[in-house]
Amino acid sequence: MTGRTRRRRHAWSLTAWWLLLTLTLWILGQAVDQVASPAACAASAALLAGIGETGDWVRRRWTTHRGQAGAASKRPRSPHMRG
């Protein structure tokens, strides 16, 4: 997969999650009588998606950093655990 295709797929994925989260926030607001405009829900969804993506990026960086230093710790402890 090329870099352009990967970026496009990632952009579509983020857009789909953002729209789904926006719709969910709006429907939940309607259900509990805390009516908010779709624009306000979209802004909240963008904030939540940004926080989630940042957290995922930090987790991947942390895993990569730990993986280089402690590769031996990832080995299965028992022969029965190997896949």
PDB file of N, CA and C in Angstrom:
ATOM      1  N   MET A   1       0.846  -1.163   0.000  1.00  0.00           N
ATOM      2  CA  MET A   1       0.000   0.000   0.000  1.00  0.00           C
ATOM      3  C   MET A   1       0.898   1.235   0.000  1.00  0.00           C
ATOM      4  N   THR A   2       0.601   2.163  -0.854  1.00  0.00           N
ATOM      5  CA  THR A   2       1.420   3.365  -0.951  1.00  0.00           C
ATOM      6  C   THR A   2       1.090   4.338   0.173  1.00  0.00           C
ATOM      7  N   GLY A   3       1.967   5.314   0.357  1.00  0.00           N
ATOM      8  CA  GLY A   3       1.751   6.307   1.397  1.00  0.00           C
ATOM      9  C   GLY A   3       0.488   7.119   1.177  1.00  0.00           C
ATOM     10  N   ARG A   4       0.220   7.441  -0.091  1.00  0.00           N
ATOM     11  CA  ARG A   4      -0.983   8.227  -0.403  1.00  0.00           C
ATOM     12  C   ARG A   4      -2.246   7.427  -0.082  1.00  0.00           C
ATOM     13  N   THR A   5      -2.258   6.148  -0.432  1.00  0.00           N
ATOM     14  CA  THR A   5      -3.408   5.299  -0.152  1.00  0.00           C
ATOM     15  C   THR A   5      -3.609   5.145   1.346  1.00  0.00           C
ATOM     16  N   ARG A   6      -2.521   4.978   2.069  1.00  0.00           N
ATOM     17  CA  ARG A   6      -2.606   4.825   3.517  1.00  0.00           C
ATOM     18  C   ARG A   6      -3.158   6.094   4.165  1.00  0.00           C
ATOM     19  N   ARG A   7      -2.691   7.251   3.713  1.00  0.00           N
ATOM     20  CA  ARG A   7      -3.194   8.518   4.263  1.00  0.00           C
ATOM     21  C   ARG A   7      -4.672   8.698   3.947  1.00  0.00           C
ATOM     22  N   ARG A   8      -5.059   8.361   2.729  1.00  0.00           N
ATOM     23  CA  ARG A   8      -6.462   8.494   2.340  1.00  0.00           C
ATOM     24  C   ARG A   8      -7.337   7.572   3.178  1.00  0.00           C
ATOM     25  N   ARG A   9      -6.908   6.347   3.376  1.00  0.00           N
ATOM     26  CA  ARG A   9      -7.671   5.400   4.192  1.00  0.00           C
ATOM     27  C   ARG A   9      -7.772   5.893   5.636  1.00  0.00           C
ATOM     28  N   HIS A  10      -6.691   6.419   6.150  1.00  0.00           N
ATOM     29  CA  HIS A  10      -6.695   6.945   7.520  1.00  0.00           C
ATOM     30  C   HIS A  10      -7.640   8.146   7.631  1.00  0.00           C
ATOM     31  N   ALA A  11      -7.629   9.020   6.638  1.00  0.00           N
ATOM     32  CA  ALA A  11      -8.516  10.189   6.646  1.00  0.00           C
ATOM     33  C   ALA A  11      -9.983   9.762   6.600  1.00  0.00           C
ATOM     34  N   TRP A  12     -10.316   8.797   5.750  1.00  0.00           N
ATOM     35  CA  TRP A  12     -11.694   8.314   5.691  1.00  0.00           C
ATOM     36  C   TRP A  12     -12.099   7.657   6.999  1.00  0.00           C
ATOM     37  N   SER A  13     -11.196   6.913   7.592  1.00  0.00           N
ATOM     38  CA  SER A  13     -11.487   6.260   8.866  1.00  0.00           C
ATOM     39  C   SER A  13     -11.767   7.291   9.956  1.00  0.00           C
ATOM     40  N   LEU A  14     -10.920   8.307  10.046  1.00  0.00           N
ATOM     41  CA  LEU A  14     -11.136   9.352  11.041  1.00  0.00           C
ATOM     42  C   LEU A  14     -12.442  10.101  10.800  1.00  0.00           C
ATOM     43  N   THR A  15     -12.746  10.374   9.541  1.00  0.00           N
ATOM     44  CA  THR A  15     -13.983  11.071   9.210  1.00  0.00           C
ATOM     45  C   THR A  15     -15.199  10.243   9.605  1.00  0.00           C
ATOM     46  N   ALA A  16     -15.149   8.950   9.332  1.00  0.00           N
ATOM     47  CA  ALA A  16     -16.264   8.068   9.695  1.00  0.00           C
ATOM     48  C   ALA A  16     -16.448   8.018  11.207  1.00  0.00           C
ATOM     49  N   TRP A  17     -15.348   7.888  11.957  1.00  0.00           N
ATOM     50  CA  TRP A  17     -15.442   7.865  13.418  1.00  0.00           C
ATOM     51  C   TRP A  17     -15.970   9.191  13.948  1.00  0.00           C
ATOM     52  N   TRP A  18     -15.515  10.287  13.372  1.00  0.00           N
ATOM     53  CA  TRP A  18     -15.961  11.606  13.804  1.00  0.00           C
ATOM     54  C   TRP A  18     -17.466  11.770  13.574  1.00  0.00           C
ATOM     55  N   LEU A  19     -17.936  11.371  12.389  1.00  0.00           N
ATOM     56  CA  LEU A  19     -19.365  11.468  12.100  1.00  0.00           C
ATOM     57  C   LEU A  19     -20.192  10.576  13.019  1.00  0.00           C
ATOM     58  N   LEU A  20     -19.722   9.367  13.262  1.00  0.00           N
ATOM     59  CA  LEU A  20     -20.425   8.450  14.156  1.00  0.00           C
ATOM     60  C   LEU A  20     -20.472   9.005  15.580  1.00  0.00           C
ATOM     61  N   LEU A  21     -19.369   9.548  16.047  1.00  0.00           N
ATOM     62  CA  LEU A  21     -19.324  10.126  17.384  1.00  0.00           C
ATOM     63  C   LEU A  21     -20.217  11.362  17.475  1.00  0.00           C
ATOM     64  N   THR A  22     -20.223  12.186  16.425  1.00  0.00           N
ATOM     65  CA  THR A  22     -21.095  13.363  16.399  1.00  0.00           C
ATOM     66  C   THR A  22     -22.556  12.944  16.494  1.00  0.00           C
ATOM     67  N   LEU A  23     -22.949  11.985  15.699  1.00  0.00           N
ATOM     68  CA  LEU A  23     -24.324  11.505  15.715  1.00  0.00           C
ATOM     69  C   LEU A  23     -24.678  10.907  17.074  1.00  0.00           C
ATOM     70  N   THR A  24     -23.780  10.140  17.651  1.00  0.00           N
ATOM     71  CA  THR A  24     -24.017   9.541  18.959  1.00  0.00           C
ATOM     72  C   THR A  24     -24.201  10.608  20.028  1.00  0.00           C
ATOM     73  N   LEU A  25     -23.333  11.617  20.037  1.00  0.00           N
ATOM     74  CA  LEU A  25     -23.469  12.688  21.023  1.00  0.00           C
ATOM     75  C   LEU A  25     -24.790  13.435  20.842  1.00  0.00           C
ATOM     76  N   TRP A  26     -25.175  13.693  19.611  1.00  0.00           N
ATOM     77  CA  TRP A  26     -26.413  14.412  19.352  1.00  0.00           C
ATOM     78  C   TRP A  26     -27.630  13.602  19.807  1.00  0.00           C
ATOM     79  N   ILE A  27     -27.636  12.292  19.493  1.00  0.00           N
ATOM     80  CA  ILE A  27     -28.755  11.429  19.883  1.00  0.00           C
ATOM     81  C   ILE A  27     -28.824  11.303  21.406  1.00  0.00           C
ATOM     82  N   LEU A  28     -27.676  11.133  22.061  1.00  0.00           N
ATOM     83  CA  LEU A  28     -27.677  11.059  23.526  1.00  0.00           C
ATOM     84  C   LEU A  28     -28.165  12.363  24.140  1.00  0.00           C
ATOM     85  N   GLY A  29     -27.784  13.473  23.556  1.00  0.00           N
ATOM     86  CA  GLY A  29     -28.270  14.767  24.039  1.00  0.00           C
ATOM     87  C   GLY A  29     -29.774  14.879  23.914  1.00  0.00           C
ATOM     88  N   GLN A  30     -30.314  14.397  22.800  1.00  0.00           N
ATOM     89  CA  GLN A  30     -31.763  14.414  22.612  1.00  0.00           C
ATOM     90  C   GLN A  30     -32.445  13.500  23.626  1.00  0.00           C
ATOM     91  N   ALA A  31     -31.853  12.368  23.913  1.00  0.00           N
ATOM     92  CA  ALA A  31     -32.463  11.379  24.808  1.00  0.00           C
ATOM     93  C   ALA A  31     -32.536  11.866  26.255  1.00  0.00           C
ATOM     94  N   VAL A  32     -31.567  12.656  26.680  1.00  0.00           N
ATOM     95  CA  VAL A  32     -31.542  13.112  28.082  1.00  0.00           C
ATOM     96  C   VAL A  32     -31.943  14.578  28.218  1.00  0.00           C
ATOM     97  N   ASP A  33     -32.572  15.128  27.195  1.00  0.00           N
ATOM     98  CA  ASP A  33     -33.052  16.518  27.195  1.00  0.00           C
ATOM     99  C   ASP A  33     -31.955  17.548  27.434  1.00  0.00           C
ATOM    100  N   GLN A  34     -30.761  17.266  26.971  1.00  0.00           N
ATOM    101  CA  GLN A  34     -29.655  18.229  26.981  1.00  0.00           C
ATOM    102  C   GLN A  34     -29.373  18.576  25.525  1.00  0.00           C
ATOM    103  N   VAL A  35     -30.307  19.278  24.932  1.00  0.00           N
ATOM    104  CA  VAL A  35     -30.261  19.540  23.501  1.00  0.00           C
ATOM    105  C   VAL A  35     -29.059  20.424  23.169  1.00  0.00           C
ATOM    106  N   ALA A  36     -28.268  19.963  22.236  1.00  0.00           N
ATOM    107  CA  ALA A  36     -27.126  20.727  21.729  1.00  0.00           C
ATOM    108  C   ALA A  36     -27.223  20.750  20.212  1.00  0.00           C
ATOM    109  N   SER A  37     -26.694  21.788  19.633  1.00  0.00           N
ATOM    110  CA  SER A  37     -26.732  21.880  18.173  1.00  0.00           C
ATOM    111  C   SER A  37     -25.799  20.831  17.568  1.00  0.00           C
ATOM    112  N   PRO A  38     -26.076  20.430  16.343  1.00  0.00           N
ATOM    113  CA  PRO A  38     -25.163  19.495  15.679  1.00  0.00           C
ATOM    114  C   PRO A  38     -23.737  20.053  15.574  1.00  0.00           C
ATOM    115  N   ALA A  39     -23.612  21.375  15.439  1.00  0.00           N
ATOM    116  CA  ALA A  39     -22.273  21.975  15.372  1.00  0.00           C
ATOM    117  C   ALA A  39     -21.528  21.802  16.691  1.00  0.00           C
ATOM    118  N   ALA A  40     -22.234  21.967  17.802  1.00  0.00           N
ATOM    119  CA  ALA A  40     -21.601  21.781  19.114  1.00  0.00           C
ATOM    120  C   ALA A  40     -21.201  20.318  19.312  1.00  0.00           C
ATOM    121  N   CYS A  41     -22.056  19.409  18.873  1.00  0.00           N
ATOM    122  CA  CYS A  41     -21.733  17.986  18.965  1.00  0.00           C
ATOM    123  C   CYS A  41     -20.536  17.646  18.080  1.00  0.00           C
ATOM    124  N   ALA A  42     -20.465  18.261  16.906  1.00  0.00           N
ATOM    125  CA  ALA A  42     -19.342  18.020  16.000  1.00  0.00           C
ATOM    126  C   ALA A  42     -18.039  18.527  16.600  1.00  0.00           C
ATOM    127  N   ALA A  43     -18.097  19.686  17.273  1.00  0.00           N
ATOM    128  CA  ALA A  43     -16.894  20.217  17.913  1.00  0.00           C
ATOM    129  C   ALA A  43     -16.448  19.318  19.057  1.00  0.00           C
ATOM    130  N   SER A  44     -17.393  18.841  19.859  1.00  0.00           N
ATOM    131  CA  SER A  44     -17.050  17.926  20.952  1.00  0.00           C
ATOM    132  C   SER A  44     -16.491  16.619  20.413  1.00  0.00           C
ATOM    133  N   ALA A  45     -17.082  16.130  19.342  1.00  0.00           N
ATOM    134  CA  ALA A  45     -16.594  14.891  18.735  1.00  0.00           C
ATOM    135  C   ALA A  45     -15.181  15.070  18.193  1.00  0.00           C
ATOM    136  N   ALA A  46     -14.909  16.229  17.602  1.00  0.00           N
ATOM    137  CA  ALA A  46     -13.557  16.488  17.093  1.00  0.00           C
ATOM    138  C   ALA A  46     -12.557  16.519  18.236  1.00  0.00           C
ATOM    139  N   LEU A  47     -12.937  17.132  19.354  1.00  0.00           N
ATOM    140  CA  LEU A  47     -12.050  17.165  20.523  1.00  0.00           C
ATOM    141  C   LEU A  47     -11.795  15.756  21.052  1.00  0.00           C
ATOM    142  N   LEU A  48     -12.858  14.975  21.198  1.00  0.00           N
ATOM    143  CA  LEU A  48     -12.701  13.604  21.694  1.00  0.00           C
ATOM    144  C   LEU A  48     -11.875  12.744  20.738  1.00  0.00           C
ATOM    145  N   ALA A  49     -12.103  12.901  19.442  1.00  0.00           N
ATOM    146  CA  ALA A  49     -11.326  12.137  18.460  1.00  0.00           C
ATOM    147  C   ALA A  49      -9.855  12.556  18.498  1.00  0.00           C
ATOM    148  N   GLY A  50      -9.605  13.846  18.655  1.00  0.00           N
ATOM    149  CA  GLY A  50      -8.220  14.329  18.750  1.00  0.00           C
ATOM    150  C   GLY A  50      -7.516  13.782  19.972  1.00  0.00           C
ATOM    151  N   ILE A  51      -8.212  13.767  21.105  1.00  0.00           N
ATOM    152  CA  ILE A  51      -7.633  13.213  22.330  1.00  0.00           C
ATOM    153  C   ILE A  51      -7.368  11.718  22.152  1.00  0.00           C
ATOM    154  N   GLY A  52      -8.314  11.015  21.535  1.00  0.00           N
ATOM    155  CA  GLY A  52      -8.139   9.579  21.306  1.00  0.00           C
ATOM    156  C   GLY A  52      -6.986   9.273  20.380  1.00  0.00           C
ATOM    157  N   GLU A  53      -6.874  10.026  19.299  1.00  0.00           N
ATOM    158  CA  GLU A  53      -5.770   9.811  18.356  1.00  0.00           C
ATOM    159  C   GLU A  53      -4.421  10.137  18.993  1.00  0.00           C
ATOM    160  N   THR A  54      -4.383  11.182  19.799  1.00  0.00           N
ATOM    161  CA  THR A  54      -3.138  11.531  20.494  1.00  0.00           C
ATOM    162  C   THR A  54      -2.753  10.432  21.470  1.00  0.00           C
ATOM    163  N   GLY A  55      -3.731   9.921  22.199  1.00  0.00           N
ATOM    164  CA  GLY A  55      -3.467   8.818  23.123  1.00  0.00           C
ATOM    165  C   GLY A  55      -2.979   7.579  22.404  1.00  0.00           C
ATOM    166  N   ASP A  56      -3.565   7.279  21.249  1.00  0.00           N
ATOM    167  CA  ASP A  56      -3.126   6.125  20.463  1.00  0.00           C
ATOM    168  C   ASP A  56      -1.703   6.323  19.961  1.00  0.00           C
ATOM    169  N   TRP A  57      -1.388   7.534  19.518  1.00  0.00           N
ATOM    170  CA  TRP A  57      -0.034   7.839  19.047  1.00  0.00           C
ATOM    171  C   TRP A  57       0.979   7.664  20.183  1.00  0.00           C
ATOM    172  N   VAL A  58       0.638   8.164  21.374  1.00  0.00           N
ATOM    173  CA  VAL A  58       1.535   8.021  22.525  1.00  0.00           C
ATOM    174  C   VAL A  58       1.712   6.549  22.876  1.00  0.00           C
ATOM    175  N   ARG A  59       0.613   5.783  22.852  1.00  0.00           N
ATOM    176  CA  ARG A  59       0.695   4.357  23.167  1.00  0.00           C
ATOM    177  C   ARG A  59       1.600   3.628  22.179  1.00  0.00           C
ATOM    178  N   ARG A  60       1.448   3.925  20.863  1.00  0.00           N
ATOM    179  CA  ARG A  60       2.298   3.278  19.859  1.00  0.00           C
ATOM    180  C   ARG A  60       3.763   3.663  20.027  1.00  0.00           C
ATOM    181  N   ARG A  61       4.026   4.934  20.306  1.00  0.00           N
ATOM    182  CA  ARG A  61       5.402   5.373  20.529  1.00  0.00           C
ATOM    183  C   ARG A  61       5.989   4.687  21.762  1.00  0.00           C
ATOM    184  N   TRP A  62       5.202   4.601  22.818  1.00  0.00           N
ATOM    185  CA  TRP A  62       5.662   3.976  24.060  1.00  0.00           C
ATOM    186  C   TRP A  62       5.966   2.501  23.822  1.00  0.00           C
ATOM    187  N   THR A  63       5.080   1.820  23.091  1.00  0.00           N
ATOM    188  CA  THR A  63       5.280   0.398  22.803  1.00  0.00           C
ATOM    189  C   THR A  63       6.529   0.192  21.960  1.00  0.00           C
ATOM    190  N   THR A  64       6.728   1.035  20.952  1.00  0.00           N
ATOM    191  CA  THR A  64       7.908   0.928  20.107  1.00  0.00           C
ATOM    192  C   THR A  64       9.171   1.172  20.915  1.00  0.00           C
ATOM    193  N   HIS A  65       9.143   2.175  21.770  1.00  0.00           N
ATOM    194  CA  HIS A  65      10.305   2.496  22.593  1.00  0.00           C
ATOM    195  C   HIS A  65      10.625   1.352  23.543  1.00  0.00           C
ATOM    196  N   ARG A  66       9.623   0.805  24.180  1.00  0.00           N
ATOM    197  CA  ARG A  66       9.837  -0.322  25.098  1.00  0.00           C
ATOM    198  C   ARG A  66      10.229  -1.572  24.345  1.00  0.00           C
ATOM    199  N   GLY A  67       9.725  -1.751  23.118  1.00  0.00           N
ATOM    200  CA  GLY A  67      10.031  -2.939  22.331  1.00  0.00           C
ATOM    201  C   GLY A  67      11.487  -3.006  21.927  1.00  0.00           C
ATOM    202  N   GLN A  68      12.112  -1.863  21.676  1.00  0.00           N
ATOM    203  CA  GLN A  68      13.521  -1.854  21.296  1.00  0.00           C
ATOM    204  C   GLN A  68      14.400  -2.168  22.493  1.00  0.00           C
ATOM    205  N   ALA A  69      14.005  -1.717  23.670  1.00  0.00           N
ATOM    206  CA  ALA A  69      14.833  -1.916  24.851  1.00  0.00           C
ATOM    207  C   ALA A  69      14.615  -3.287  25.471  1.00  0.00           C
ATOM    208  N   GLY A  70      13.401  -3.821  25.388  1.00  0.00           N
ATOM    209  CA  GLY A  70      13.105  -5.070  26.083  1.00  0.00           C
ATOM    210  C   GLY A  70      12.493  -6.118  25.185  1.00  0.00           C
ATOM    211  N   ALA A  71      13.127  -6.437  24.091  1.00  0.00           N
ATOM    212  CA  ALA A  71      12.579  -7.421  23.156  1.00  0.00           C
ATOM    213  C   ALA A  71      12.500  -8.802  23.794  1.00  0.00           C
ATOM    214  N   ALA A  72      13.388  -9.119  24.717  1.00  0.00           N
ATOM    215  CA  ALA A  72      13.372 -10.430  25.359  1.00  0.00           C
ATOM    216  C   ALA A  72      12.142 -10.596  26.236  1.00  0.00           C
ATOM    217  N   SER A  73      11.589  -9.510  26.732  1.00  0.00           N
ATOM    218  CA  SER A  73      10.429  -9.619  27.613  1.00  0.00           C
ATOM    219  C   SER A  73       9.168  -9.990  26.856  1.00  0.00           C
ATOM    220  N   LYS A  74       9.171  -9.940  25.531  1.00  0.00           N
ATOM    221  CA  LYS A  74       7.996 -10.265  24.742  1.00  0.00           C
ATOM    222  C   LYS A  74       7.938 -11.740  24.362  1.00  0.00           C
ATOM    223  N   ARG A  75       8.975 -12.499  24.678  1.00  0.00           N
ATOM    224  CA  ARG A  75       8.962 -13.922  24.363  1.00  0.00           C
ATOM    225  C   ARG A  75       7.948 -14.630  25.255  1.00  0.00           C
ATOM    226  N   PRO A  76       7.284 -15.656  24.726  1.00  0.00           N
ATOM    227  CA  PRO A  76       6.351 -16.428  25.562  1.00  0.00           C
ATOM    228  C   PRO A  76       7.096 -17.092  26.706  1.00  0.00           C
ATOM    229  N   ARG A  77       6.453 -17.185  27.824  1.00  0.00           N
ATOM    230  CA  ARG A  77       7.090 -17.762  29.020  1.00  0.00           C
ATOM    231  C   ARG A  77       7.002 -19.287  29.034  1.00  0.00           C
ATOM    232  N   SER A  78       6.119 -19.830  28.247  1.00  0.00           N
ATOM    233  CA  SER A  78       5.916 -21.268  28.251  1.00  0.00           C
ATOM    234  C   SER A  78       5.813 -21.756  26.799  1.00  0.00           C
ATOM    235  N   PRO A  79       6.282 -22.964  26.520  1.00  0.00           N
ATOM    236  CA  PRO A  79       6.152 -23.472  25.155  1.00  0.00           C
ATOM    237  C   PRO A  79       4.697 -23.624  24.728  1.00  0.00           C
ATOM    238  N   HIS A  80       3.785 -23.748  25.686  1.00  0.00           N
ATOM    239  CA  HIS A  80       2.362 -23.913  25.362  1.00  0.00           C
ATOM    240  C   HIS A  80       1.730 -22.597  24.916  1.00  0.00           C
ATOM    241  N   MET A  81       2.379 -21.467  25.169  1.00  0.00           N
ATOM    242  CA  MET A  81       1.840 -20.157  24.812  1.00  0.00           C
ATOM    243  C   MET A  81       2.209 -19.760  23.395  1.00  0.00           C
ATOM    244  N   ARG A  82       3.087 -20.496  22.768  1.00  0.00           N
ATOM    245  CA  ARG A  82       3.500 -20.123  21.403  1.00  0.00           C
ATOM    246  C   ARG A  82       2.379 -20.440  20.429  1.00  0.00           C
ATOM    247  N   GLY A  83       2.222 -19.552  19.410  1.00  0.00           N
ATOM    248  CA  GLY A  83       1.110 -19.727  18.477  1.00  0.00           C
ATOM    249  C   GLY A  83       1.443 -20.318  17.196  1.00  0.00           C
TER     250      GLY A  83
END
